[in-house]
Amino acid sequence: MIFFRLLKKHGRTLVVTLGTVLLCALLLRKIQLTELKNALARSNPLWVALAALIATCLNLFGTLRMSTLLKALSHHLEPPSFWRQTWILFGAATAHNFLPAPAGEIYRTAALKQRGYSVSLLVAEQLVEKLVEALGLTLGTLAVVASGYLPLAVARVLTAVSLAGILLLIALAAFGRRLKSVDHPVNRRQQITKFVAHLSQVVQELRSPFLLGRALFWSIATDVGNALSLGLCALAVGANLPVAGWFVGMLAARSVGLIPTTPGQFGVQEAGVGAALVALGLAPPMAAAVAILHHAVHFIPITLIGSIELKRNFSPPVADKPVDQ
């Protein structure tokens, strides 16, 4: 009985862990660890540093996307400043890197809730943002398909997922307005009704093509910068990877990132990116080196900056020193 309870509670983590171990095992079977170590040791530090700088600046694009969506919801609220939102995203990324999903989303929601936003509105906004990200990934996928570097079947699957998300938005906009929100839900049904009603409200607020176009632009800009950082990591280890391959690796990393898995996507991202680059003809040691460096340049600087945000918000208050009489 206890076994089934643990399986029900941690089943997703177990499946993800087993899948990660399997992917890593398949990749490591083709890798000579000495060759991987040599590839990392020979990496050009200038290219790696530039990739890390670009990866850090991409958080600003994320802030612009979030700010675009939040402004549409701030009719009677004053949204946080641009830099405050940037710090919140750094803190959320750090929480995501160290804690199980959805720690990052929870931190972001809690930080913005202090500004007066309701939890249901913030969760709904994040869902819309995820759909915008998925749509941006779909457009990027189609661009890569046009270059002949990605199987059409994979592009069709990703396109179908994004179209399903768009249809979900349309359905929420059409039927969500008929639901009457409950101020103080007392059961699960009323909680779901309140959430769907708020989600419909967000969709109604964000239905402007210009508004969604701006959010989509910043999402695509983030993906392009992400691909550039991967390309710089490939240049750092001397991997012969064309520009289209940069986007294939980025698509693999971003697709994995959309799914809540291990903290910081450790193992999962390396396995996914490495497998994608090997499929493009890159030698397994080179593919693994690129995947490791790409993850490192996105993890280390962002985590260091985000740790400042988390320490500032969670440090215990300093007791006042007693005054001498």
C-alpha atoms as a PDB file:
ATOM      1  CA  MET A   1       0.000   0.000   0.000  1.00  0.00           C
ATOM      2  CA  ILE A   2       2.822   2.386   0.901  1.00  0.00           C
ATOM      3  CA  PHE A   3       4.572   1.482  -2.360  1.00  0.00           C
ATOM      4  CA  PHE A   4       1.557   2.497  -4.443  1.00  0.00           C
ATOM      5  CA  ARG A   5       1.209   5.764  -2.518  1.00  0.00           C
ATOM      6  CA  LEU A   6       4.846   6.618  -3.199  1.00  0.00           C
ATOM      7  CA  LEU A   7       4.422   5.623  -6.828  1.00  0.00           C
ATOM      8  CA  LYS A   8       1.370   7.853  -7.177  1.00  0.00           C
ATOM      9  CA  LYS A   9       3.122  10.784  -5.504  1.00  0.00           C
ATOM     10  CA  HIS A  10       6.518  10.476  -7.189  1.00  0.00           C
ATOM     11  CA  GLY A  11       5.593   8.586 -10.345  1.00  0.00           C
ATOM     12  CA  ARG A  12       6.429  11.481 -12.692  1.00  0.00           C
ATOM     13  CA  THR A  13       9.823  12.018 -11.081  1.00  0.00           C
ATOM     14  CA  LEU A  14      10.578   8.305 -11.351  1.00  0.00           C
ATOM     15  CA  VAL A  15       9.627   8.143 -15.031  1.00  0.00           C
ATOM     16  CA  VAL A  16      11.657  11.256 -15.856  1.00  0.00           C
ATOM     17  CA  THR A  17      14.658   9.955 -13.924  1.00  0.00           C
ATOM     18  CA  LEU A  18      14.573   6.581 -15.648  1.00  0.00           C
ATOM     19  CA  GLY A  19      14.195   8.258 -19.044  1.00  0.00           C
ATOM     20  CA  THR A  20      17.127  10.556 -18.319  1.00  0.00           C
ATOM     21  CA  VAL A  21      19.320   7.656 -17.203  1.00  0.00           C
ATOM     22  CA  LEU A  22      18.401   5.732 -20.358  1.00  0.00           C
ATOM     23  CA  LEU A  23      19.180   8.659 -22.669  1.00  0.00           C
ATOM     24  CA  CYS A  24      22.459   9.379 -20.902  1.00  0.00           C
ATOM     25  CA  ALA A  25      23.416   5.698 -21.029  1.00  0.00           C
ATOM     26  CA  LEU A  26      22.735   5.530 -24.771  1.00  0.00           C
ATOM     27  CA  LEU A  27      24.792   8.688 -25.333  1.00  0.00           C
ATOM     28  CA  LEU A  28      27.660   7.622 -23.069  1.00  0.00           C
ATOM     29  CA  ARG A  29      27.954   4.278 -24.862  1.00  0.00           C
ATOM     30  CA  LYS A  30      29.273   6.191 -27.859  1.00  0.00           C
ATOM     31  CA  ILE A  31      31.490   8.580 -25.897  1.00  0.00           C
ATOM     32  CA  GLN A  32      35.057   8.122 -24.834  1.00  0.00           C
ATOM     33  CA  LEU A  33      35.258  10.080 -21.586  1.00  0.00           C
ATOM     34  CA  THR A  34      38.862  10.988 -22.335  1.00  0.00           C
ATOM     35  CA  GLU A  35      37.792  12.584 -25.608  1.00  0.00           C
ATOM     36  CA  LEU A  36      35.012  14.482 -23.819  1.00  0.00           C
ATOM     37  CA  LYS A  37      37.475  15.730 -21.199  1.00  0.00           C
ATOM     38  CA  ASN A  38      39.912  16.828 -23.889  1.00  0.00           C
ATOM     39  CA  ALA A  39      37.188  18.634 -25.827  1.00  0.00           C
ATOM     40  CA  LEU A  40      36.168  20.586 -22.714  1.00  0.00           C
ATOM     41  CA  ALA A  41      39.792  21.319 -21.795  1.00  0.00           C
ATOM     42  CA  ARG A  42      40.517  22.724 -25.272  1.00  0.00           C
ATOM     43  CA  SER A  43      37.458  24.988 -25.277  1.00  0.00           C
ATOM     44  CA  ASN A  44      38.153  28.644 -26.056  1.00  0.00           C
ATOM     45  CA  PRO A  45      37.369  30.673 -22.893  1.00  0.00           C
ATOM     46  CA  LEU A  46      36.574  33.826 -24.895  1.00  0.00           C
ATOM     47  CA  TRP A  47      33.774  32.129 -26.836  1.00  0.00           C
ATOM     48  CA  VAL A  48      32.470  30.572 -23.608  1.00  0.00           C
ATOM     49  CA  ALA A  49      32.525  33.947 -21.815  1.00  0.00           C
ATOM     50  CA  LEU A  50      30.665  35.617 -24.692  1.00  0.00           C
ATOM     51  CA  ALA A  51      28.075  32.816 -24.668  1.00  0.00           C
ATOM     52  CA  ALA A  52      27.620  33.312 -20.908  1.00  0.00           C
ATOM     53  CA  LEU A  53      27.155  37.072 -21.396  1.00  0.00           C
ATOM     54  CA  ILE A  54      24.510  36.508 -24.074  1.00  0.00           C
ATOM     55  CA  ALA A  55      22.746  33.886 -21.938  1.00  0.00           C
ATOM     56  CA  THR A  56      22.581  36.343 -19.032  1.00  0.00           C
ATOM     57  CA  CYS A  57      21.239  39.175 -21.190  1.00  0.00           C
ATOM     58  CA  LEU A  58      18.481  36.914 -22.528  1.00  0.00           C
ATOM     59  CA  ASN A  59      16.765  37.326 -19.171  1.00  0.00           C
ATOM     60  CA  LEU A  60      16.090  40.937 -20.186  1.00  0.00           C
ATOM     61  CA  PHE A  61      14.105  39.675 -23.175  1.00  0.00           C
ATOM     62  CA  GLY A  62      12.132  37.479 -20.791  1.00  0.00           C
ATOM     63  CA  THR A  63      11.401  40.539 -18.673  1.00  0.00           C
ATOM     64  CA  LEU A  64      10.153  42.457 -21.702  1.00  0.00           C
ATOM     65  CA  ARG A  65       7.832  39.584 -22.626  1.00  0.00           C
ATOM     66  CA  MET A  66       6.470  39.283 -19.084  1.00  0.00           C
ATOM     67  CA  SER A  67       6.142  43.067 -18.795  1.00  0.00           C
ATOM     68  CA  THR A  68       4.170  43.187 -22.048  1.00  0.00           C
ATOM     69  CA  LEU A  69       1.641  40.689 -20.728  1.00  0.00           C
ATOM     70  CA  LEU A  70       1.451  42.158 -17.220  1.00  0.00           C
ATOM     71  CA  LYS A  71       0.761  45.672 -18.477  1.00  0.00           C
ATOM     72  CA  ALA A  72      -2.388  44.381 -20.141  1.00  0.00           C
ATOM     73  CA  LEU A  73      -3.605  43.163 -16.746  1.00  0.00           C
ATOM     74  CA  SER A  74      -2.633  46.247 -14.744  1.00  0.00           C
ATOM     75  CA  HIS A  75      -5.682  48.433 -15.233  1.00  0.00           C
ATOM     76  CA  HIS A  76      -5.862  49.344 -11.542  1.00  0.00           C
ATOM     77  CA  LEU A  77      -2.421  48.133 -10.434  1.00  0.00           C
ATOM     78  CA  GLU A  78       0.974  49.683 -10.854  1.00  0.00           C
ATOM     79  CA  PRO A  79       3.238  46.955 -12.243  1.00  0.00           C
ATOM     80  CA  PRO A  80       6.732  46.484 -10.813  1.00  0.00           C
ATOM     81  CA  SER A  81       9.549  48.372 -12.469  1.00  0.00           C
ATOM     82  CA  PHE A  82      11.444  46.759 -15.319  1.00  0.00           C
ATOM     83  CA  TRP A  83      14.477  46.013 -13.150  1.00  0.00           C
ATOM     84  CA  ARG A  84      12.354  44.637 -10.306  1.00  0.00           C
ATOM     85  CA  GLN A  85      10.728  42.245 -12.754  1.00  0.00           C
ATOM     86  CA  THR A  86      14.201  41.305 -14.023  1.00  0.00           C
ATOM     87  CA  TRP A  87      15.349  40.470 -10.494  1.00  0.00           C
ATOM     88  CA  ILE A  88      12.203  38.398  -9.969  1.00  0.00           C
ATOM     89  CA  LEU A  89      12.945  36.362 -13.107  1.00  0.00           C
ATOM     90  CA  PHE A  90      16.546  35.807 -12.000  1.00  0.00           C
ATOM     91  CA  GLY A  91      15.287  34.597  -8.629  1.00  0.00           C
ATOM     92  CA  ALA A  92      12.693  32.347 -10.288  1.00  0.00           C
ATOM     93  CA  ALA A  93      15.359  30.857 -12.565  1.00  0.00           C
ATOM     94  CA  THR A  94      17.598  30.131  -9.577  1.00  0.00           C
ATOM     95  CA  ALA A  95      14.750  28.472  -7.691  1.00  0.00           C
ATOM     96  CA  HIS A  96      14.031  26.414 -10.813  1.00  0.00           C
ATOM     97  CA  ASN A  97      17.690  25.379 -11.013  1.00  0.00           C
ATOM     98  CA  PHE A  98      17.854  23.993  -7.477  1.00  0.00           C
ATOM     99  CA  LEU A  99      14.342  22.891  -6.553  1.00  0.00           C
ATOM    100  CA  PRO A 100      11.823  20.535  -8.172  1.00  0.00           C
ATOM    101  CA  ALA A 101       9.323  22.032 -10.594  1.00  0.00           C
ATOM    102  CA  PRO A 102       7.387  24.271 -10.367  1.00  0.00           C
ATOM    103  CA  ALA A 103       9.546  26.097  -7.782  1.00  0.00           C
ATOM    104  CA  GLY A 104      10.450  28.879 -10.223  1.00  0.00           C
ATOM    105  CA  GLU A 105       6.840  29.555 -11.125  1.00  0.00           C
ATOM    106  CA  ILE A 106       5.830  29.539  -7.452  1.00  0.00           C
ATOM    107  CA  TYR A 107       8.530  32.076  -6.539  1.00  0.00           C
ATOM    108  CA  ARG A 108       7.557  34.330  -9.440  1.00  0.00           C
ATOM    109  CA  THR A 109       3.877  34.135  -8.473  1.00  0.00           C
ATOM    110  CA  ALA A 110       4.599  34.880  -4.807  1.00  0.00           C
ATOM    111  CA  ALA A 111       6.818  37.861  -5.676  1.00  0.00           C
ATOM    112  CA  LEU A 112       4.241  39.416  -8.003  1.00  0.00           C
ATOM    113  CA  LYS A 113       1.357  38.645  -5.645  1.00  0.00           C
ATOM    114  CA  GLN A 114       2.873  41.203  -3.279  1.00  0.00           C
ATOM    115  CA  ARG A 115       1.978  43.817  -5.904  1.00  0.00           C
ATOM    116  CA  GLY A 116      -1.724  42.985  -5.625  1.00  0.00           C
ATOM    117  CA  TYR A 117      -2.126  40.483  -8.468  1.00  0.00           C
ATOM    118  CA  SER A 118      -4.335  37.504  -7.707  1.00  0.00           C
ATOM    119  CA  VAL A 119      -2.777  34.052  -7.867  1.00  0.00           C
ATOM    120  CA  SER A 120      -5.262  32.818 -10.464  1.00  0.00           C
ATOM    121  CA  LEU A 121      -4.510  35.775 -12.744  1.00  0.00           C
ATOM    122  CA  LEU A 122      -0.759  35.249 -12.416  1.00  0.00           C
ATOM    123  CA  VAL A 123      -1.022  31.513 -13.116  1.00  0.00           C
ATOM    124  CA  ALA A 124      -3.228  32.225 -16.110  1.00  0.00           C
ATOM    125  CA  GLU A 125      -0.733  34.808 -17.410  1.00  0.00           C
ATOM    126  CA  GLN A 126       2.069  32.267 -17.108  1.00  0.00           C
ATOM    127  CA  LEU A 127       0.035  29.700 -19.027  1.00  0.00           C
ATOM    128  CA  VAL A 128      -0.512  32.213 -21.826  1.00  0.00           C
ATOM    129  CA  GLU A 129       3.222  32.974 -21.759  1.00  0.00           C
ATOM    130  CA  LYS A 130       3.969  29.250 -22.124  1.00  0.00           C
ATOM    131  CA  LEU A 131       1.685  29.111 -25.133  1.00  0.00           C
ATOM    132  CA  VAL A 132       3.470  32.109 -26.646  1.00  0.00           C
ATOM    133  CA  GLU A 133       6.779  30.309 -26.082  1.00  0.00           C
ATOM    134  CA  ALA A 134       5.416  27.179 -27.739  1.00  0.00           C
ATOM    135  CA  LEU A 135       4.218  29.205 -30.720  1.00  0.00           C
ATOM    136  CA  GLY A 136       7.647  30.825 -31.029  1.00  0.00           C
ATOM    137  CA  LEU A 137       9.272  27.399 -30.926  1.00  0.00           C
ATOM    138  CA  THR A 138       6.918  26.232 -33.663  1.00  0.00           C
ATOM    139  CA  LEU A 139       7.886  29.127 -35.922  1.00  0.00           C
ATOM    140  CA  GLY A 140      11.541  28.404 -35.208  1.00  0.00           C
ATOM    141  CA  THR A 141      10.970  24.745 -36.003  1.00  0.00           C
ATOM    142  CA  LEU A 142       9.367  25.581 -39.336  1.00  0.00           C
ATOM    143  CA  ALA A 143      12.318  27.824 -40.172  1.00  0.00           C
ATOM    144  CA  VAL A 144      14.727  24.984 -39.423  1.00  0.00           C
ATOM    145  CA  VAL A 145      12.606  22.558 -41.452  1.00  0.00           C
ATOM    146  CA  ALA A 146      12.838  24.940 -44.402  1.00  0.00           C
ATOM    147  CA  SER A 147      16.624  24.627 -44.163  1.00  0.00           C
ATOM    148  CA  GLY A 148      16.339  20.834 -44.441  1.00  0.00           C
ATOM    149  CA  TYR A 149      17.884  20.035 -41.043  1.00  0.00           C
ATOM    150  CA  LEU A 150      14.869  18.677 -39.170  1.00  0.00           C
ATOM    151  CA  PRO A 151      12.579  15.762 -40.091  1.00  0.00           C
ATOM    152  CA  LEU A 152       9.169  16.943 -41.175  1.00  0.00           C
ATOM    153  CA  ALA A 153       7.441  14.496 -38.816  1.00  0.00           C
ATOM    154  CA  VAL A 154       8.987  16.223 -35.785  1.00  0.00           C
ATOM    155  CA  ALA A 155       7.910  19.626 -37.045  1.00  0.00           C
ATOM    156  CA  ARG A 156       4.372  18.358 -37.556  1.00  0.00           C
ATOM    157  CA  VAL A 157       4.202  17.120 -33.964  1.00  0.00           C
ATOM    158  CA  LEU A 158       5.406  20.450 -32.528  1.00  0.00           C
ATOM    159  CA  THR A 159       3.067  22.375 -34.809  1.00  0.00           C
ATOM    160  CA  ALA A 160       0.133  20.198 -33.728  1.00  0.00           C
ATOM    161  CA  VAL A 161       0.916  20.896 -30.066  1.00  0.00           C
ATOM    162  CA  SER A 162       1.002  24.664 -30.653  1.00  0.00           C
ATOM    163  CA  LEU A 163      -2.210  24.577 -32.678  1.00  0.00           C
ATOM    164  CA  ALA A 164      -3.839  22.664 -29.834  1.00  0.00           C
ATOM    165  CA  GLY A 165      -2.783  25.458 -27.494  1.00  0.00           C
ATOM    166  CA  ILE A 166      -4.259  28.079 -29.812  1.00  0.00           C
ATOM    167  CA  LEU A 167      -7.521  26.131 -29.977  1.00  0.00           C
ATOM    168  CA  LEU A 168      -7.505  25.982 -26.172  1.00  0.00           C
ATOM    169  CA  LEU A 169      -7.213  29.774 -26.030  1.00  0.00           C
ATOM    170  CA  ILE A 170     -10.133  30.145 -28.445  1.00  0.00           C
ATOM    171  CA  ALA A 171     -12.237  27.734 -26.407  1.00  0.00           C
ATOM    172  CA  LEU A 172     -11.449  29.581 -23.180  1.00  0.00           C
ATOM    173  CA  ALA A 173     -12.313  32.912 -24.787  1.00  0.00           C
ATOM    174  CA  ALA A 174     -15.608  31.519 -26.131  1.00  0.00           C
ATOM    175  CA  PHE A 175     -16.852  29.569 -23.131  1.00  0.00           C
ATOM    176  CA  GLY A 176     -14.979  31.029 -20.171  1.00  0.00           C
ATOM    177  CA  ARG A 177     -17.082  34.177 -20.140  1.00  0.00           C
ATOM    178  CA  ARG A 178     -20.166  32.061 -19.415  1.00  0.00           C
ATOM    179  CA  LEU A 179     -18.681  30.893 -16.136  1.00  0.00           C
ATOM    180  CA  LYS A 180     -19.484  32.867 -13.018  1.00  0.00           C
ATOM    181  CA  SER A 181     -16.437  33.279 -10.820  1.00  0.00           C
ATOM    182  CA  VAL A 182     -16.762  32.437  -7.125  1.00  0.00           C
ATOM    183  CA  ASP A 183     -15.038  34.842  -4.746  1.00  0.00           C
ATOM    184  CA  HIS A 184     -14.535  32.288  -1.983  1.00  0.00           C
ATOM    185  CA  PRO A 185     -14.584  28.758  -3.437  1.00  0.00           C
ATOM    186  CA  VAL A 186     -15.279  26.019  -0.906  1.00  0.00           C
ATOM    187  CA  ASN A 187     -14.853  22.915  -3.056  1.00  0.00           C
ATOM    188  CA  ARG A 188     -12.756  21.658  -5.953  1.00  0.00           C
ATOM    189  CA  ARG A 189     -15.417  22.395  -8.575  1.00  0.00           C
ATOM    190  CA  GLN A 190     -15.733  26.026  -7.520  1.00  0.00           C
ATOM    191  CA  GLN A 191     -11.935  26.382  -7.464  1.00  0.00           C
ATOM    192  CA  ILE A 192     -11.718  25.085 -11.029  1.00  0.00           C
ATOM    193  CA  THR A 193     -14.573  27.376 -12.087  1.00  0.00           C
ATOM    194  CA  LYS A 194     -12.822  30.400 -10.586  1.00  0.00           C
ATOM    195  CA  PHE A 195      -9.521  29.518 -12.243  1.00  0.00           C
ATOM    196  CA  VAL A 196     -11.085  28.978 -15.692  1.00  0.00           C
ATOM    197  CA  ALA A 197     -13.021  32.247 -15.355  1.00  0.00           C
ATOM    198  CA  HIS A 198      -9.813  34.146 -14.538  1.00  0.00           C
ATOM    199  CA  LEU A 199      -7.971  32.392 -17.357  1.00  0.00           C
ATOM    200  CA  SER A 200     -10.717  33.444 -19.744  1.00  0.00           C
ATOM    201  CA  GLN A 201     -10.392  37.017 -18.455  1.00  0.00           C
ATOM    202  CA  VAL A 202      -6.663  36.975 -19.176  1.00  0.00           C
ATOM    203  CA  VAL A 203      -7.272  35.641 -22.685  1.00  0.00           C
ATOM    204  CA  GLN A 204      -9.825  38.402 -23.266  1.00  0.00           C
ATOM    205  CA  GLU A 205      -7.350  41.030 -22.053  1.00  0.00           C
ATOM    206  CA  LEU A 206      -4.544  39.639 -24.213  1.00  0.00           C
ATOM    207  CA  ARG A 207      -6.543  39.052 -27.378  1.00  0.00           C
ATOM    208  CA  SER A 208      -4.977  42.062 -29.122  1.00  0.00           C
ATOM    209  CA  PRO A 209      -2.842  40.831 -32.076  1.00  0.00           C
ATOM    210  CA  PHE A 210      -0.432  43.721 -31.499  1.00  0.00           C
ATOM    211  CA  LEU A 211       0.015  42.779 -27.851  1.00  0.00           C
ATOM    212  CA  LEU A 212       0.523  39.090 -28.547  1.00  0.00           C
ATOM    213  CA  GLY A 213       2.793  40.006 -31.455  1.00  0.00           C
ATOM    214  CA  ARG A 214       5.076  41.957 -29.121  1.00  0.00           C
ATOM    215  CA  ALA A 215       5.192  39.073 -26.649  1.00  0.00           C
ATOM    216  CA  LEU A 216       5.915  36.655 -29.500  1.00  0.00           C
ATOM    217  CA  PHE A 217       8.688  38.933 -30.801  1.00  0.00           C
ATOM    218  CA  TRP A 218      10.514  38.882 -27.459  1.00  0.00           C
ATOM    219  CA  SER A 219      10.033  35.127 -27.232  1.00  0.00           C
ATOM    220  CA  ILE A 220      11.572  34.608 -30.683  1.00  0.00           C
ATOM    221  CA  ALA A 221      14.388  37.036 -29.831  1.00  0.00           C
ATOM    222  CA  THR A 222      15.122  34.903 -26.765  1.00  0.00           C
ATOM    223  CA  ASP A 223      15.247  31.761 -28.912  1.00  0.00           C
ATOM    224  CA  VAL A 224      17.590  33.403 -31.429  1.00  0.00           C
ATOM    225  CA  GLY A 225      19.930  34.496 -28.631  1.00  0.00           C
ATOM    226  CA  ASN A 226      19.742  31.028 -27.126  1.00  0.00           C
ATOM    227  CA  ALA A 227      20.739  29.498 -30.473  1.00  0.00           C
ATOM    228  CA  LEU A 228      23.613  31.977 -30.746  1.00  0.00           C
ATOM    229  CA  SER A 229      24.900  30.977 -27.313  1.00  0.00           C
ATOM    230  CA  LEU A 230      24.842  27.318 -28.378  1.00  0.00           C
ATOM    231  CA  GLY A 231      26.680  28.185 -31.579  1.00  0.00           C
ATOM    232  CA  LEU A 232      29.366  29.991 -29.586  1.00  0.00           C
ATOM    233  CA  CYS A 233      29.755  26.901 -27.376  1.00  0.00           C
ATOM    234  CA  ALA A 234      30.190  24.828 -30.544  1.00  0.00           C
ATOM    235  CA  LEU A 235      32.832  27.262 -31.797  1.00  0.00           C
ATOM    236  CA  ALA A 236      34.554  27.100 -28.398  1.00  0.00           C
ATOM    237  CA  VAL A 237      35.186  23.345 -28.705  1.00  0.00           C
ATOM    238  CA  GLY A 238      35.901  23.480 -32.435  1.00  0.00           C
ATOM    239  CA  ALA A 239      32.736  21.650 -33.486  1.00  0.00           C
ATOM    240  CA  ASN A 240      31.809  21.996 -37.147  1.00  0.00           C
ATOM    241  CA  LEU A 241      28.153  22.874 -36.712  1.00  0.00           C
ATOM    242  CA  PRO A 242      26.237  25.007 -39.249  1.00  0.00           C
ATOM    243  CA  VAL A 243      23.944  27.828 -38.134  1.00  0.00           C
ATOM    244  CA  ALA A 244      20.852  25.676 -38.706  1.00  0.00           C
ATOM    245  CA  GLY A 245      22.380  23.170 -36.292  1.00  0.00           C
ATOM    246  CA  TRP A 246      22.561  25.884 -33.637  1.00  0.00           C
ATOM    247  CA  PHE A 247      18.799  26.226 -33.848  1.00  0.00           C
ATOM    248  CA  VAL A 248      18.266  22.460 -33.780  1.00  0.00           C
ATOM    249  CA  GLY A 249      20.226  22.265 -30.518  1.00  0.00           C
ATOM    250  CA  MET A 250      18.340  25.253 -29.131  1.00  0.00           C
ATOM    251  CA  LEU A 251      15.009  23.678 -30.068  1.00  0.00           C
ATOM    252  CA  ALA A 252      16.006  20.497 -28.251  1.00  0.00           C
ATOM    253  CA  ALA A 253      16.995  22.451 -25.122  1.00  0.00           C
ATOM    254  CA  ARG A 254      13.880  24.644 -25.168  1.00  0.00           C
ATOM    255  CA  SER A 255      11.522  21.728 -25.837  1.00  0.00           C
ATOM    256  CA  VAL A 256      12.948  19.906 -22.827  1.00  0.00           C
ATOM    257  CA  GLY A 257      12.698  23.102 -20.778  1.00  0.00           C
ATOM    258  CA  LEU A 258       8.950  23.397 -21.412  1.00  0.00           C
ATOM    259  CA  ILE A 259       8.401  20.114 -19.533  1.00  0.00           C
ATOM    260  CA  PRO A 260       8.816  20.133 -15.715  1.00  0.00           C
ATOM    261  CA  THR A 261      11.461  17.487 -15.051  1.00  0.00           C
ATOM    262  CA  THR A 262      14.586  17.393 -12.880  1.00  0.00           C
ATOM    263  CA  PRO A 263      15.782  20.496 -10.972  1.00  0.00           C
ATOM    264  CA  GLY A 264      17.731  22.668 -13.397  1.00  0.00           C
ATOM    265  CA  GLN A 265      17.044  20.134 -16.183  1.00  0.00           C
ATOM    266  CA  PHE A 266      20.285  18.397 -15.189  1.00  0.00           C
ATOM    267  CA  GLY A 267      20.908  15.318 -17.277  1.00  0.00           C
ATOM    268  CA  VAL A 268      17.717  15.824 -19.256  1.00  0.00           C
ATOM    269  CA  GLN A 269      18.996  18.835 -21.200  1.00  0.00           C
ATOM    270  CA  GLU A 270      22.433  17.336 -21.843  1.00  0.00           C
ATOM    271  CA  ALA A 271      20.861  14.112 -23.081  1.00  0.00           C
ATOM    272  CA  GLY A 272      18.341  15.902 -25.305  1.00  0.00           C
ATOM    273  CA  VAL A 273      20.772  18.407 -26.827  1.00  0.00           C
ATOM    274  CA  GLY A 274      23.527  15.807 -27.183  1.00  0.00           C
ATOM    275  CA  ALA A 275      21.226  13.356 -28.933  1.00  0.00           C
ATOM    276  CA  ALA A 276      19.974  16.079 -31.301  1.00  0.00           C
ATOM    277  CA  LEU A 277      23.512  17.114 -32.253  1.00  0.00           C
ATOM    278  CA  VAL A 278      24.617  13.505 -32.732  1.00  0.00           C
ATOM    279  CA  ALA A 279      21.652  13.024 -35.069  1.00  0.00           C
ATOM    280  CA  LEU A 280      23.025  15.918 -37.135  1.00  0.00           C
ATOM    281  CA  GLY A 281      26.316  14.071 -37.577  1.00  0.00           C
ATOM    282  CA  LEU A 282      28.374  15.638 -34.792  1.00  0.00           C
ATOM    283  CA  ALA A 283      30.781  13.279 -33.036  1.00  0.00           C
ATOM    284  CA  PRO A 284      29.357  12.137 -29.669  1.00  0.00           C
ATOM    285  CA  PRO A 285      32.212  13.633 -27.569  1.00  0.00           C
ATOM    286  CA  MET A 286      31.830  16.980 -29.345  1.00  0.00           C
ATOM    287  CA  ALA A 287      28.037  16.864 -29.020  1.00  0.00           C
ATOM    288  CA  ALA A 288      28.278  16.136 -25.291  1.00  0.00           C
ATOM    289  CA  ALA A 289      30.846  18.918 -24.806  1.00  0.00           C
ATOM    290  CA  VAL A 290      28.614  21.451 -26.574  1.00  0.00           C
ATOM    291  CA  ALA A 291      25.585  20.350 -24.535  1.00  0.00           C
ATOM    292  CA  ILE A 292      27.479  20.611 -21.231  1.00  0.00           C
ATOM    293  CA  LEU A 293      28.940  24.042 -22.030  1.00  0.00           C
ATOM    294  CA  HIS A 294      25.587  25.344 -23.268  1.00  0.00           C
ATOM    295  CA  HIS A 295      23.900  24.286 -20.047  1.00  0.00           C
ATOM    296  CA  ALA A 296      26.746  25.709 -17.946  1.00  0.00           C
ATOM    297  CA  VAL A 297      26.699  29.192 -19.538  1.00  0.00           C
ATOM    298  CA  HIS A 298      22.967  29.410 -18.901  1.00  0.00           C
ATOM    299  CA  PHE A 299      23.142  27.957 -15.392  1.00  0.00           C
ATOM    300  CA  ILE A 300      26.161  29.515 -13.663  1.00  0.00           C
ATOM    301  CA  PRO A 301      25.805  33.304 -14.247  1.00  0.00           C
ATOM    302  CA  ILE A 302      22.024  33.337 -13.905  1.00  0.00           C
ATOM    303  CA  THR A 303      22.185  31.298 -10.708  1.00  0.00           C
ATOM    304  CA  LEU A 304      24.823  33.565  -9.205  1.00  0.00           C
ATOM    305  CA  ILE A 305      22.739  36.671  -9.909  1.00  0.00           C
ATOM    306  CA  GLY A 306      19.500  35.016  -8.838  1.00  0.00           C
ATOM    307  CA  SER A 307      21.066  33.932  -5.547  1.00  0.00           C
ATOM    308  CA  ILE A 308      21.364  37.607  -4.626  1.00  0.00           C
ATOM    309  CA  GLU A 309      17.629  38.026  -5.181  1.00  0.00           C
ATOM    310  CA  LEU A 310      16.767  34.943  -3.132  1.00  0.00           C
ATOM    311  CA  LYS A 311      19.122  35.916  -0.300  1.00  0.00           C
ATOM    312  CA  ARG A 312      17.639  39.410  -0.211  1.00  0.00           C
ATOM    313  CA  ASN A 313      14.102  38.061   0.108  1.00  0.00           C
ATOM    314  CA  PHE A 314      14.709  35.117   2.425  1.00  0.00           C
ATOM    315  CA  SER A 315      17.463  36.349   4.733  1.00  0.00           C
ATOM    316  CA  PRO A 316      16.304  36.426   8.394  1.00  0.00           C
ATOM    317  CA  PRO A 317      15.876  39.892   9.835  1.00  0.00           C
ATOM    318  CA  VAL A 318      18.824  41.228  11.773  1.00  0.00           C
ATOM    319  CA  ALA A 319      17.966  41.885  15.416  1.00  0.00           C
ATOM    320  CA  ASP A 320      18.576  45.394  16.663  1.00  0.00           C
ATOM    321  CA  LYS A 321      21.485  45.740  19.035  1.00  0.00           C
ATOM    322  CA  PRO A 322      20.470  46.618  22.585  1.00  0.00           C
ATOM    323  CA  VAL A 323      21.026  50.214  23.462  1.00  0.00           C
ATOM    324  CA  ASP A 324      23.361  50.769  26.392  1.00  0.00           C
ATOM    325  CA  GLN A 325      21.701  52.532  29.243  1.00  0.00           C
END
